[in-house]
Amino acid sequence: MSETLLTSWVLLAQEAEQAPAGPGMLLPIIAIMFLFYFLILRPQKNKERAMRTMIDNLKEKDRVVTIGGIHAVVTNVQRDQDIVTLRIDESTGAKIRVGSSAIARVVVDDEGKKSESVSK
């Protein structure tokens, strides 16, 4: 199987060397690269920047959801170690420590302000 695939690649490479690449082929390649940048790369960079800003702005009493789906309240943020301590149970006060990259989102109330308790 891999031998056939290798042979196909060699034949395609030989055809590419023989075919003249005129200016007619350059325009579609540039258009594809342009679309790839604006449809894939740029939105991904914006999303990463927004996520980094959200994590940098975490503070105590923020309600968060982790990537595992745990709803909790931030009790401590150790920025130098990238660790966030979360209170996951109001009645027992159970806490866990997670990496700051484990925070998926900050939960905001309907009024637009952050709430101070975990929803049950």
PDB file of N, CA and C in Angstrom:
ATOM      1  N   MET A   1       0.828  -1.189   0.000  1.00  0.00           N
ATOM      2  CA  MET A   1       0.000   0.000   0.000  1.00  0.00           C
ATOM      3  C   MET A   1       0.871   1.251   0.000  1.00  0.00           C
ATOM      4  N   SER A   2       1.830   1.318   0.932  1.00  0.00           N
ATOM      5  CA  SER A   2       2.670   2.507   1.014  1.00  0.00           C
ATOM      6  C   SER A   2       3.582   2.625  -0.200  1.00  0.00           C
ATOM      7  N   GLU A   3       3.936   1.483  -0.809  1.00  0.00           N
ATOM      8  CA  GLU A   3       4.778   1.507  -2.004  1.00  0.00           C
ATOM      9  C   GLU A   3       4.010   2.134  -3.175  1.00  0.00           C
ATOM     10  N   THR A   4       2.738   1.821  -3.286  1.00  0.00           N
ATOM     11  CA  THR A   4       1.904   2.399  -4.328  1.00  0.00           C
ATOM     12  C   THR A   4       1.732   3.898  -4.110  1.00  0.00           C
ATOM     13  N   LEU A   5       1.554   4.293  -2.863  1.00  0.00           N
ATOM     14  CA  LEU A   5       1.408   5.707  -2.531  1.00  0.00           C
ATOM     15  C   LEU A   5       2.685   6.469  -2.855  1.00  0.00           C
ATOM     16  N   LEU A   6       3.826   5.893  -2.536  1.00  0.00           N
ATOM     17  CA  LEU A   6       5.104   6.526  -2.824  1.00  0.00           C
ATOM     18  C   LEU A   6       5.301   6.682  -4.331  1.00  0.00           C
ATOM     19  N   THR A   7       4.946   5.657  -5.078  1.00  0.00           N
ATOM     20  CA  THR A   7       5.061   5.717  -6.536  1.00  0.00           C
ATOM     21  C   THR A   7       4.170   6.827  -7.100  1.00  0.00           C
ATOM     22  N   SER A   8       2.965   6.955  -6.565  1.00  0.00           N
ATOM     23  CA  SER A   8       2.049   8.005  -7.028  1.00  0.00           C
ATOM     24  C   SER A   8       2.627   9.381  -6.769  1.00  0.00           C
ATOM     25  N   TRP A   9       3.213   9.573  -5.602  1.00  0.00           N
ATOM     26  CA  TRP A   9       3.810  10.868  -5.277  1.00  0.00           C
ATOM     27  C   TRP A   9       4.978  11.199  -6.199  1.00  0.00           C
ATOM     28  N   VAL A  10       5.778  10.196  -6.513  1.00  0.00           N
ATOM     29  CA  VAL A  10       6.921  10.407  -7.408  1.00  0.00           C
ATOM     30  C   VAL A  10       6.423  10.810  -8.797  1.00  0.00           C
ATOM     31  N   LEU A  11       5.392  10.112  -9.293  1.00  0.00           N
ATOM     32  CA  LEU A  11       4.846  10.442 -10.605  1.00  0.00           C
ATOM     33  C   LEU A  11       4.245  11.848 -10.624  1.00  0.00           C
ATOM     34  N   LEU A  12       3.544  12.229  -9.555  1.00  0.00           N
ATOM     35  CA  LEU A  12       2.986  13.578  -9.484  1.00  0.00           C
ATOM     36  C   LEU A  12       4.087  14.636  -9.443  1.00  0.00           C
ATOM     37  N   ALA A  13       5.145  14.363  -8.727  1.00  0.00           N
ATOM     38  CA  ALA A  13       6.252  15.307  -8.655  1.00  0.00           C
ATOM     39  C   ALA A  13       6.912  15.464 -10.017  1.00  0.00           C
ATOM     40  N   GLN A  14       7.064  14.376 -10.749  1.00  0.00           N
ATOM     41  CA  GLN A  14       7.662  14.455 -12.074  1.00  0.00           C
ATOM     42  C   GLN A  14       6.776  15.253 -13.028  1.00  0.00           C
ATOM     43  N   GLU A  15       5.450  15.066 -12.926  1.00  0.00           N
ATOM     44  CA  GLU A  15       4.536  15.822 -13.780  1.00  0.00           C
ATOM     45  C   GLU A  15       4.587  17.305 -13.431  1.00  0.00           C
ATOM     46  N   ALA A  16       4.707  17.618 -12.162  1.00  0.00           N
ATOM     47  CA  ALA A  16       4.763  19.016 -11.747  1.00  0.00           C
ATOM     48  C   ALA A  16       6.023  19.687 -12.269  1.00  0.00           C
ATOM     49  N   GLU A  17       7.122  18.949 -12.325  1.00  0.00           N
ATOM     50  CA  GLU A  17       8.373  19.508 -12.840  1.00  0.00           C
ATOM     51  C   GLU A  17       8.270  19.775 -14.341  1.00  0.00           C
ATOM     52  N   GLN A  18       7.548  18.914 -15.045  1.00  0.00           N
ATOM     53  CA  GLN A  18       7.457  19.046 -16.487  1.00  0.00           C
ATOM     54  C   GLN A  18       6.442  20.112 -16.910  1.00  0.00           C
ATOM     55  N   ALA A  19       5.378  20.295 -16.098  1.00  0.00           N
ATOM     56  CA  ALA A  19       4.331  21.245 -16.476  1.00  0.00           C
ATOM     57  C   ALA A  19       4.813  22.670 -16.210  1.00  0.00           C
ATOM     58  N   PRO A  20       4.707  23.541 -17.186  1.00  0.00           N
ATOM     59  CA  PRO A  20       5.119  24.929 -16.960  1.00  0.00           C
ATOM     60  C   PRO A  20       4.122  25.642 -16.054  1.00  0.00           C
ATOM     61  N   ALA A  21       4.631  26.319 -15.045  1.00  0.00           N
ATOM     62  CA  ALA A  21       3.780  27.067 -14.121  1.00  0.00           C
ATOM     63  C   ALA A  21       3.685  28.499 -14.622  1.00  0.00           C
ATOM     64  N   GLY A  22       2.653  28.774 -15.349  1.00  0.00           N
ATOM     65  CA  GLY A  22       2.466  30.101 -15.917  1.00  0.00           C
ATOM     66  C   GLY A  22       1.783  31.024 -14.925  1.00  0.00           C
ATOM     67  N   PRO A  23       1.608  32.270 -15.313  1.00  0.00           N
ATOM     68  CA  PRO A  23       0.960  33.238 -14.431  1.00  0.00           C
ATOM     69  C   PRO A  23      -0.501  32.900 -14.167  1.00  0.00           C
ATOM     70  N   GLY A  24      -1.103  32.065 -14.996  1.00  0.00           N
ATOM     71  CA  GLY A  24      -2.494  31.660 -14.801  1.00  0.00           C
ATOM     72  C   GLY A  24      -2.669  30.799 -13.557  1.00  0.00           C
ATOM     73  N   MET A  25      -1.631  30.081 -13.133  1.00  0.00           N
ATOM     74  CA  MET A  25      -1.708  29.235 -11.936  1.00  0.00           C
ATOM     75  C   MET A  25      -1.391  30.013 -10.668  1.00  0.00           C
ATOM     76  N   LEU A  26      -0.737  31.125 -10.786  1.00  0.00           N
ATOM     77  CA  LEU A  26      -0.321  31.881  -9.613  1.00  0.00           C
ATOM     78  C   LEU A  26      -1.504  32.574  -8.934  1.00  0.00           C
ATOM     79  N   LEU A  27      -2.426  33.085  -9.698  1.00  0.00           N
ATOM     80  CA  LEU A  27      -3.570  33.794  -9.143  1.00  0.00           C
ATOM     81  C   LEU A  27      -4.466  32.900  -8.275  1.00  0.00           C
ATOM     82  N   PRO A  28      -4.837  31.699  -8.720  1.00  0.00           N
ATOM     83  CA  PRO A  28      -5.656  30.833  -7.851  1.00  0.00           C
ATOM     84  C   PRO A  28      -4.935  30.440  -6.554  1.00  0.00           C
ATOM     85  N   ILE A  29      -3.634  30.237  -6.616  1.00  0.00           N
ATOM     86  CA  ILE A  29      -2.883  29.874  -5.413  1.00  0.00           C
ATOM     87  C   ILE A  29      -2.883  31.029  -4.420  1.00  0.00           C
ATOM     88  N   ILE A  30      -2.708  32.243  -4.911  1.00  0.00           N
ATOM     89  CA  ILE A  30      -2.743  33.419  -4.037  1.00  0.00           C
ATOM     90  C   ILE A  30      -4.142  33.593  -3.448  1.00  0.00           C
ATOM     91  N   ALA A  31      -5.174  33.362  -4.250  1.00  0.00           N
ATOM     92  CA  ALA A  31      -6.552  33.487  -3.762  1.00  0.00           C
ATOM     93  C   ALA A  31      -6.841  32.459  -2.671  1.00  0.00           C
ATOM     94  N   ILE A  32      -6.363  31.248  -2.845  1.00  0.00           N
ATOM     95  CA  ILE A  32      -6.567  30.199  -1.835  1.00  0.00           C
ATOM     96  C   ILE A  32      -5.841  30.562  -0.542  1.00  0.00           C
ATOM     97  N   MET A  33      -4.625  31.063  -0.649  1.00  0.00           N
ATOM     98  CA  MET A  33      -3.877  31.455   0.545  1.00  0.00           C
ATOM     99  C   MET A  33      -4.579  32.609   1.257  1.00  0.00           C
ATOM    100  N   PHE A  34      -5.105  33.556   0.511  1.00  0.00           N
ATOM    101  CA  PHE A  34      -5.830  34.700   1.067  1.00  0.00           C
ATOM    102  C   PHE A  34      -7.073  34.225   1.823  1.00  0.00           C
ATOM    103  N   LEU A  35      -7.859  33.350   1.197  1.00  0.00           N
ATOM    104  CA  LEU A  35      -9.051  32.813   1.845  1.00  0.00           C
ATOM    105  C   LEU A  35      -8.692  32.001   3.080  1.00  0.00           C
ATOM    106  N   PHE A  36      -7.642  31.191   3.015  1.00  0.00           N
ATOM    107  CA  PHE A  36      -7.209  30.380   4.147  1.00  0.00           C
ATOM    108  C   PHE A  36      -6.866  31.264   5.327  1.00  0.00           C
ATOM    109  N   TYR A  37      -6.174  32.367   5.068  1.00  0.00           N
ATOM    110  CA  TYR A  37      -5.803  33.280   6.152  1.00  0.00           C
ATOM    111  C   TYR A  37      -7.045  33.905   6.785  1.00  0.00           C
ATOM    112  N   PHE A  38      -7.948  34.452   5.967  1.00  0.00           N
ATOM    113  CA  PHE A  38      -9.091  35.179   6.517  1.00  0.00           C
ATOM    114  C   PHE A  38     -10.201  34.272   7.034  1.00  0.00           C
ATOM    115  N   LEU A  39     -10.291  33.045   6.569  1.00  0.00           N
ATOM    116  CA  LEU A  39     -11.349  32.158   7.051  1.00  0.00           C
ATOM    117  C   LEU A  39     -10.905  31.238   8.179  1.00  0.00           C
ATOM    118  N   ILE A  40      -9.605  30.980   8.299  1.00  0.00           N
ATOM    119  CA  ILE A  40      -9.137  30.017   9.302  1.00  0.00           C
ATOM    120  C   ILE A  40      -8.146  30.629  10.280  1.00  0.00           C
ATOM    121  N   LEU A  41      -7.068  31.178   9.805  1.00  0.00           N
ATOM    122  CA  LEU A  41      -6.003  31.634  10.694  1.00  0.00           C
ATOM    123  C   LEU A  41      -6.389  32.853  11.517  1.00  0.00           C
ATOM    124  N   ARG A  42      -6.945  33.863  10.903  1.00  0.00           N
ATOM    125  CA  ARG A  42      -7.267  35.098  11.619  1.00  0.00           C
ATOM    126  C   ARG A  42      -8.332  34.892  12.702  1.00  0.00           C
ATOM    127  N   PRO A  43      -9.440  34.195  12.429  1.00  0.00           N
ATOM    128  CA  PRO A  43     -10.409  33.953  13.501  1.00  0.00           C
ATOM    129  C   PRO A  43      -9.827  33.130  14.652  1.00  0.00           C
ATOM    130  N   GLN A  44      -8.955  32.178  14.336  1.00  0.00           N
ATOM    131  CA  GLN A  44      -8.339  31.371  15.392  1.00  0.00           C
ATOM    132  C   GLN A  44      -7.436  32.217  16.277  1.00  0.00           C
ATOM    133  N   LYS A  45      -6.681  33.128  15.684  1.00  0.00           N
ATOM    134  CA  LYS A  45      -5.825  34.015  16.475  1.00  0.00           C
ATOM    135  C   LYS A  45      -6.655  34.919  17.372  1.00  0.00           C
ATOM    136  N   ASN A  46      -7.771  35.437  16.850  1.00  0.00           N
ATOM    137  CA  ASN A  46      -8.653  36.285  17.651  1.00  0.00           C
ATOM    138  C   ASN A  46      -9.250  35.503  18.817  1.00  0.00           C
ATOM    139  N   LYS A  47      -9.631  34.262  18.565  1.00  0.00           N
ATOM    140  CA  LYS A  47     -10.195  33.415  19.618  1.00  0.00           C
ATOM    141  C   LYS A  47      -9.158  33.136  20.702  1.00  0.00           C
ATOM    142  N   GLU A  48      -7.927  32.831  20.306  1.00  0.00           N
ATOM    143  CA  GLU A  48      -6.858  32.586  21.275  1.00  0.00           C
ATOM    144  C   GLU A  48      -6.553  33.845  22.088  1.00  0.00           C
ATOM    145  N   ARG A  49      -6.558  34.996  21.448  1.00  0.00           N
ATOM    146  CA  ARG A  49      -6.298  36.255  22.147  1.00  0.00           C
ATOM    147  C   ARG A  49      -7.398  36.543  23.170  1.00  0.00           C
ATOM    148  N   ALA A  50      -8.654  36.307  22.803  1.00  0.00           N
ATOM    149  CA  ALA A  50      -9.772  36.522  23.723  1.00  0.00           C
ATOM    150  C   ALA A  50      -9.698  35.556  24.904  1.00  0.00           C
ATOM    151  N   MET A  51      -9.315  34.315  24.645  1.00  0.00           N
ATOM    152  CA  MET A  51      -9.196  33.319  25.717  1.00  0.00           C
ATOM    153  C   MET A  51      -8.078  33.708  26.683  1.00  0.00           C
ATOM    154  N   ARG A  52      -6.950  34.156  26.156  1.00  0.00           N
ATOM    155  CA  ARG A  52      -5.821  34.567  26.996  1.00  0.00           C
ATOM    156  C   ARG A  52      -6.212  35.775  27.849  1.00  0.00           C
ATOM    157  N   THR A  53      -6.949  36.725  27.276  1.00  0.00           N
ATOM    158  CA  THR A  53      -7.411  37.889  28.025  1.00  0.00           C
ATOM    159  C   THR A  53      -8.349  37.470  29.147  1.00  0.00           C
ATOM    160  N   MET A  54      -9.258  36.532  28.858  1.00  0.00           N
ATOM    161  CA  MET A  54     -10.184  36.049  29.872  1.00  0.00           C
ATOM    162  C   MET A  54      -9.433  35.413  31.038  1.00  0.00           C
ATOM    163  N   ILE A  55      -8.446  34.587  30.741  1.00  0.00           N
ATOM    164  CA  ILE A  55      -7.683  33.913  31.789  1.00  0.00           C
ATOM    165  C   ILE A  55      -6.844  34.920  32.574  1.00  0.00           C
ATOM    166  N   ASP A  56      -6.273  35.902  31.895  1.00  0.00           N
ATOM    167  CA  ASP A  56      -5.481  36.919  32.587  1.00  0.00           C
ATOM    168  C   ASP A  56      -6.332  37.785  33.512  1.00  0.00           C
ATOM    169  N   ASN A  57      -7.631  37.930  33.214  1.00  0.00           N
ATOM    170  CA  ASN A  57      -8.515  38.765  34.015  1.00  0.00           C
ATOM    171  C   ASN A  57      -9.276  37.995  35.095  1.00  0.00           C
ATOM    172  N   LEU A  58      -8.969  36.703  35.285  1.00  0.00           N
ATOM    173  CA  LEU A  58      -9.634  35.932  36.335  1.00  0.00           C
ATOM    174  C   LEU A  58      -9.298  36.511  37.695  1.00  0.00           C
ATOM    175  N   LYS A  59     -10.306  36.542  38.565  1.00  0.00           N
ATOM    176  CA  LYS A  59     -10.083  37.007  39.925  1.00  0.00           C
ATOM    177  C   LYS A  59     -10.978  36.214  40.862  1.00  0.00           C
ATOM    178  N   GLU A  60     -10.799  36.398  42.156  1.00  0.00           N
ATOM    179  CA  GLU A  60     -11.591  35.686  43.149  1.00  0.00           C
ATOM    180  C   GLU A  60     -13.071  35.979  42.960  1.00  0.00           C
ATOM    181  N   LYS A  61     -13.875  35.000  43.253  1.00  0.00           N
ATOM    182  CA  LYS A  61     -15.344  35.048  43.201  1.00  0.00           C
ATOM    183  C   LYS A  61     -15.911  35.066  41.787  1.00  0.00           C
ATOM    184  N   ASP A  62     -15.096  34.863  40.774  1.00  0.00           N
ATOM    185  CA  ASP A  62     -15.613  34.686  39.417  1.00  0.00           C
ATOM    186  C   ASP A  62     -16.189  33.284  39.308  1.00  0.00           C
ATOM    187  N   ARG A  63     -17.358  33.180  38.686  1.00  0.00           N
ATOM    188  CA  ARG A  63     -17.939  31.867  38.405  1.00  0.00           C
ATOM    189  C   ARG A  63     -17.381  31.390  37.072  1.00  0.00           C
ATOM    190  N   VAL A  64     -16.893  30.145  37.042  1.00  0.00           N
ATOM    191  CA  VAL A  64     -16.273  29.612  35.827  1.00  0.00           C
ATOM    192  C   VAL A  64     -16.795  28.216  35.527  1.00  0.00           C
ATOM    193  N   VAL A  65     -16.558  27.786  34.298  1.00  0.00           N
ATOM    194  CA  VAL A  65     -16.810  26.417  33.870  1.00  0.00           C
ATOM    195  C   VAL A  65     -15.498  25.906  33.302  1.00  0.00           C
ATOM    196  N   THR A  66     -15.079  24.713  33.745  1.00  0.00           N
ATOM    197  CA  THR A  66     -13.829  24.146  33.241  1.00  0.00           C
ATOM    198  C   THR A  66     -14.090  23.397  31.941  1.00  0.00           C
ATOM    199  N   ILE A  67     -13.014  22.978  31.291  1.00  0.00           N
ATOM    200  CA  ILE A  67     -13.163  22.231  30.044  1.00  0.00           C
ATOM    201  C   ILE A  67     -13.796  20.867  30.279  1.00  0.00           C
ATOM    202  N   GLY A  68     -13.777  20.414  31.540  1.00  0.00           N
ATOM    203  CA  GLY A  68     -14.428  19.157  31.896  1.00  0.00           C
ATOM    204  C   GLY A  68     -15.886  19.328  32.276  1.00  0.00           C
ATOM    205  N   GLY A  69     -16.390  20.576  32.285  1.00  0.00           N
ATOM    206  CA  GLY A  69     -17.786  20.825  32.595  1.00  0.00           C
ATOM    207  C   GLY A  69     -18.067  21.086  34.059  1.00  0.00           C
ATOM    208  N   ILE A  70     -17.041  21.291  34.869  1.00  0.00           N
ATOM    209  CA  ILE A  70     -17.226  21.556  36.290  1.00  0.00           C
ATOM    210  C   ILE A  70     -17.543  23.026  36.484  1.00  0.00           C
ATOM    211  N   HIS A  71     -18.667  23.303  37.158  1.00  0.00           N
ATOM    212  CA  HIS A  71     -19.057  24.675  37.493  1.00  0.00           C
ATOM    213  C   HIS A  71     -18.489  24.979  38.872  1.00  0.00           C
ATOM    214  N   ALA A  72     -17.781  26.087  39.003  1.00  0.00           N
ATOM    215  CA  ALA A  72     -17.108  26.390  40.265  1.00  0.00           C
ATOM    216  C   ALA A  72     -16.926  27.886  40.423  1.00  0.00           C
ATOM    217  N   VAL A  73     -16.414  28.260  41.609  1.00  0.00           N
ATOM    218  CA  VAL A  73     -16.108  29.649  41.929  1.00  0.00           C
ATOM    219  C   VAL A  73     -14.607  29.749  42.186  1.00  0.00           C
ATOM    220  N   VAL A  74     -13.964  30.745  41.600  1.00  0.00           N
ATOM    221  CA  VAL A  74     -12.526  30.939  41.779  1.00  0.00           C
ATOM    222  C   VAL A  74     -12.272  31.437  43.196  1.00  0.00           C
ATOM    223  N   THR A  75     -11.357  30.761  43.906  1.00  0.00           N
ATOM    224  CA  THR A  75     -10.992  31.211  45.251  1.00  0.00           C
ATOM    225  C   THR A  75      -9.579  31.766  45.302  1.00  0.00           C
ATOM    226  N   ASN A  76      -8.726  31.362  44.362  1.00  0.00           N
ATOM    227  CA  ASN A  76      -7.345  31.845  44.354  1.00  0.00           C
ATOM    228  C   ASN A  76      -6.772  31.684  42.948  1.00  0.00           C
ATOM    229  N   VAL A  77      -5.989  32.660  42.514  1.00  0.00           N
ATOM    230  CA  VAL A  77      -5.323  32.596  41.213  1.00  0.00           C
ATOM    231  C   VAL A  77      -3.835  32.793  41.448  1.00  0.00           C
ATOM    232  N   GLN A  78      -3.028  31.800  41.074  1.00  0.00           N
ATOM    233  CA  GLN A  78      -1.572  31.896  41.170  1.00  0.00           C
ATOM    234  C   GLN A  78      -1.036  32.081  39.757  1.00  0.00           C
ATOM    235  N   ARG A  79      -0.884  33.330  39.369  1.00  0.00           N
ATOM    236  CA  ARG A  79      -0.493  33.639  37.993  1.00  0.00           C
ATOM    237  C   ARG A  79       0.910  33.163  37.650  1.00  0.00           C
ATOM    238  N   ASP A  80       1.813  33.198  38.610  1.00  0.00           N
ATOM    239  CA  ASP A  80       3.187  32.786  38.329  1.00  0.00           C
ATOM    240  C   ASP A  80       3.292  31.289  38.045  1.00  0.00           C
ATOM    241  N   GLN A  81       2.391  30.496  38.607  1.00  0.00           N
ATOM    242  CA  GLN A  81       2.409  29.049  38.395  1.00  0.00           C
ATOM    243  C   GLN A  81       1.289  28.583  37.462  1.00  0.00           C
ATOM    244  N   ASP A  82       0.464  29.499  36.987  1.00  0.00           N
ATOM    245  CA  ASP A  82      -0.685  29.178  36.128  1.00  0.00           C
ATOM    246  C   ASP A  82      -1.618  28.157  36.773  1.00  0.00           C
ATOM    247  N   ILE A  83      -1.915  28.352  38.055  1.00  0.00           N
ATOM    248  CA  ILE A  83      -2.812  27.465  38.788  1.00  0.00           C
ATOM    249  C   ILE A  83      -3.968  28.285  39.333  1.00  0.00           C
ATOM    250  N   VAL A  84      -5.169  27.720  39.219  1.00  0.00           N
ATOM    251  CA  VAL A  84      -6.382  28.358  39.737  1.00  0.00           C
ATOM    252  C   VAL A  84      -7.014  27.394  40.734  1.00  0.00           C
ATOM    253  N   THR A  85      -7.339  27.901  41.931  1.00  0.00           N
ATOM    254  CA  THR A  85      -8.030  27.102  42.930  1.00  0.00           C
ATOM    255  C   THR A  85      -9.517  27.402  42.819  1.00  0.00           C
ATOM    256  N   LEU A  86     -10.318  26.329  42.723  1.00  0.00           N
ATOM    257  CA  LEU A  86     -11.760  26.459  42.522  1.00  0.00           C
ATOM    258  C   LEU A  86     -12.523  25.812  43.666  1.00  0.00           C
ATOM    259  N   ARG A  87     -13.583  26.461  44.136  1.00  0.00           N
ATOM    260  CA  ARG A  87     -14.496  25.864  45.115  1.00  0.00           C
ATOM    261  C   ARG A  87     -15.614  25.238  44.316  1.00  0.00           C
ATOM    262  N   ILE A  88     -15.757  23.903  44.457  1.00  0.00           N
ATOM    263  CA  ILE A  88     -16.734  23.195  43.635  1.00  0.00           C
ATOM    264  C   ILE A  88     -18.001  22.830  44.394  1.00  0.00           C
ATOM    265  N   ASP A  89     -17.978  22.936  45.733  1.00  0.00           N
ATOM    266  CA  ASP A  89     -19.165  22.590  46.514  1.00  0.00           C
ATOM    267  C   ASP A  89     -19.350  23.625  47.618  1.00  0.00           C
ATOM    268  N   GLU A  90     -20.500  24.265  47.622  1.00  0.00           N
ATOM    269  CA  GLU A  90     -20.782  25.301  48.614  1.00  0.00           C
ATOM    270  C   GLU A  90     -20.939  24.725  50.014  1.00  0.00           C
ATOM    271  N   SER A  91     -21.629  23.588  50.146  1.00  0.00           N
ATOM    272  CA  SER A  91     -21.939  23.063  51.470  1.00  0.00           C
ATOM    273  C   SER A  91     -20.713  22.521  52.191  1.00  0.00           C
ATOM    274  N   THR A  92     -19.839  21.821  51.493  1.00  0.00           N
ATOM    275  CA  THR A  92     -18.645  21.258  52.136  1.00  0.00           C
ATOM    276  C   THR A  92     -17.410  22.113  51.933  1.00  0.00           C
ATOM    277  N   GLY A  93     -17.467  23.031  50.999  1.00  0.00           N
ATOM    278  CA  GLY A  93     -16.319  23.883  50.727  1.00  0.00           C
ATOM    279  C   GLY A  93     -15.199  23.154  50.001  1.00  0.00           C
ATOM    280  N   ALA A  94     -15.532  22.076  49.294  1.00  0.00           N
ATOM    281  CA  ALA A  94     -14.531  21.296  48.569  1.00  0.00           C
ATOM    282  C   ALA A  94     -13.864  22.154  47.500  1.00  0.00           C
ATOM    283  N   LYS A  95     -12.544  22.036  47.405  1.00  0.00           N
ATOM    284  CA  LYS A  95     -11.782  22.823  46.437  1.00  0.00           C
ATOM    285  C   LYS A  95     -10.903  21.917  45.596  1.00  0.00           C
ATOM    286  N   ILE A  96     -10.635  22.364  44.387  1.00  0.00           N
ATOM    287  CA  ILE A  96      -9.679  21.680  43.518  1.00  0.00           C
ATOM    288  C   ILE A  96      -8.762  22.733  42.909  1.00  0.00           C
ATOM    289  N   ARG A  97      -7.576  22.279  42.545  1.00  0.00           N
ATOM    290  CA  ARG A  97      -6.632  23.150  41.840  1.00  0.00           C
ATOM    291  C   ARG A  97      -6.503  22.640  40.423  1.00  0.00           C
ATOM    292  N   VAL A  98      -6.618  23.559  39.478  1.00  0.00           N
ATOM    293  CA  VAL A  98      -6.500  23.205  38.058  1.00  0.00           C
ATOM    294  C   VAL A  98      -5.556  24.178  37.384  1.00  0.00           C
ATOM    295  N   GLY A  99      -5.037  23.781  36.257  1.00  0.00           N
ATOM    296  CA  GLY A  99      -4.237  24.693  35.454  1.00  0.00           C
ATOM    297  C   GLY A  99      -5.128  25.773  34.877  1.00  0.00           C
ATOM    298  N   SER A 100      -4.580  26.947  34.683  1.00  0.00           N
ATOM    299  CA  SER A 100      -5.396  28.048  34.176  1.00  0.00           C
ATOM    300  C   SER A 100      -5.926  27.760  32.770  1.00  0.00           C
ATOM    301  N   SER A 101      -5.260  26.908  32.033  1.00  0.00           N
ATOM    302  CA  SER A 101      -5.742  26.564  30.690  1.00  0.00           C
ATOM    303  C   SER A 101      -6.963  25.655  30.735  1.00  0.00           C
ATOM    304  N   ALA A 102      -7.317  25.136  31.928  1.00  0.00           N
ATOM    305  CA  ALA A 102      -8.495  24.276  32.063  1.00  0.00           C
ATOM    306  C   ALA A 102      -9.784  25.081  32.185  1.00  0.00           C
ATOM    307  N   ILE A 103      -9.688  26.394  32.285  1.00  0.00           N
ATOM    308  CA  ILE A 103     -10.882  27.234  32.382  1.00  0.00           C
ATOM    309  C   ILE A 103     -11.428  27.453  30.974  1.00  0.00           C
ATOM    310  N   ALA A 104     -12.679  27.026  30.761  1.00  0.00           N
ATOM    311  CA  ALA A 104     -13.286  27.160  29.442  1.00  0.00           C
ATOM    312  C   ALA A 104     -13.969  28.512  29.280  1.00  0.00           C
ATOM    313  N   ARG A 105     -14.677  28.973  30.328  1.00  0.00           N
ATOM    314  CA  ARG A 105     -15.367  30.248  30.215  1.00  0.00           C
ATOM    315  C   ARG A 105     -15.720  30.776  31.589  1.00  0.00           C
ATOM    316  N   VAL A 106     -15.974  32.063  31.644  1.00  0.00           N
ATOM    317  CA  VAL A 106     -16.446  32.727  32.852  1.00  0.00           C
ATOM    318  C   VAL A 106     -17.947  32.910  32.689  1.00  0.00           C
ATOM    319  N   VAL A 107     -18.715  32.501  33.701  1.00  0.00           N
ATOM    320  CA  VAL A 107     -20.167  32.575  33.639  1.00  0.00           C
ATOM    321  C   VAL A 107     -20.609  33.959  34.060  1.00  0.00           C
ATOM    322  N   VAL A 108     -21.517  34.554  33.286  1.00  0.00           N
ATOM    323  CA  VAL A 108     -22.018  35.898  33.542  1.00  0.00           C
ATOM    324  C   VAL A 108     -23.535  35.818  33.721  1.00  0.00           C
ATOM    325  N   ASP A 109     -24.079  36.595  34.683  1.00  0.00           N
ATOM    326  CA  ASP A 109     -25.531  36.636  34.917  1.00  0.00           C
ATOM    327  C   ASP A 109     -26.262  37.282  33.758  1.00  0.00           C
ATOM    328  N   ASP A 110     -27.603  37.262  33.820  1.00  0.00           N
ATOM    329  CA  ASP A 110     -28.442  37.910  32.805  1.00  0.00           C
ATOM    330  C   ASP A 110     -28.238  39.414  32.784  1.00  0.00           C
ATOM    331  N   GLU A 111     -27.965  39.998  33.936  1.00  0.00           N
ATOM    332  CA  GLU A 111     -27.805  41.444  34.032  1.00  0.00           C
ATOM    333  C   GLU A 111     -26.448  41.912  33.515  1.00  0.00           C
ATOM    334  N   GLY A 112     -25.578  40.974  33.156  1.00  0.00           N
ATOM    335  CA  GLY A 112     -24.279  41.348  32.622  1.00  0.00           C
ATOM    336  C   GLY A 112     -23.174  41.428  33.664  1.00  0.00           C
ATOM    337  N   LYS A 113     -23.500  41.189  34.937  1.00  0.00           N
ATOM    338  CA  LYS A 113     -22.459  41.206  35.960  1.00  0.00           C
ATOM    339  C   LYS A 113     -22.159  39.782  36.408  1.00  0.00           C
ATOM    340  N   LYS A 114     -20.976  39.581  36.915  1.00  0.00           N
ATOM    341  CA  LYS A 114     -20.573  38.259  37.345  1.00  0.00           C
ATOM    342  C   LYS A 114     -21.229  37.940  38.674  1.00  0.00           C
ATOM    343  N   SER A 115     -21.691  36.710  38.832  1.00  0.00           N
ATOM    344  CA  SER A 115     -22.336  36.297  40.074  1.00  0.00           C
ATOM    345  C   SER A 115     -21.303  35.739  41.035  1.00  0.00           C
ATOM    346  N   GLU A 116     -21.669  35.633  42.313  1.00  0.00           N
ATOM    347  CA  GLU A 116     -20.713  35.184  43.321  1.00  0.00           C
ATOM    348  C   GLU A 116     -21.009  33.790  43.852  1.00  0.00           C
ATOM    349  N   SER A 117     -21.994  33.096  43.329  1.00  0.00           N
ATOM    350  CA  SER A 117     -22.305  31.769  43.827  1.00  0.00           C
ATOM    351  C   SER A 117     -22.401  30.795  42.678  1.00  0.00           C
ATOM    352  N   VAL A 118     -22.238  29.526  43.017  1.00  0.00           N
ATOM    353  CA  VAL A 118     -22.308  28.469  42.013  1.00  0.00           C
ATOM    354  C   VAL A 118     -23.766  28.088  41.788  1.00  0.00           C
ATOM    355  N   SER A 119     -24.163  27.965  40.544  1.00  0.00           N
ATOM    356  CA  SER A 119     -25.538  27.549  40.266  1.00  0.00           C
ATOM    357  C   SER A 119     -25.693  26.069  40.570  1.00  0.00           C
ATOM    358  N   LYS A 120     -26.861  25.717  41.104  1.00  0.00           N
ATOM    359  CA  LYS A 120     -27.085  24.303  41.465  1.00  0.00           C
ATOM    360  C   LYS A 120     -28.161  23.707  40.615  1.00  0.00           C
TER     361      LYS A 120
END
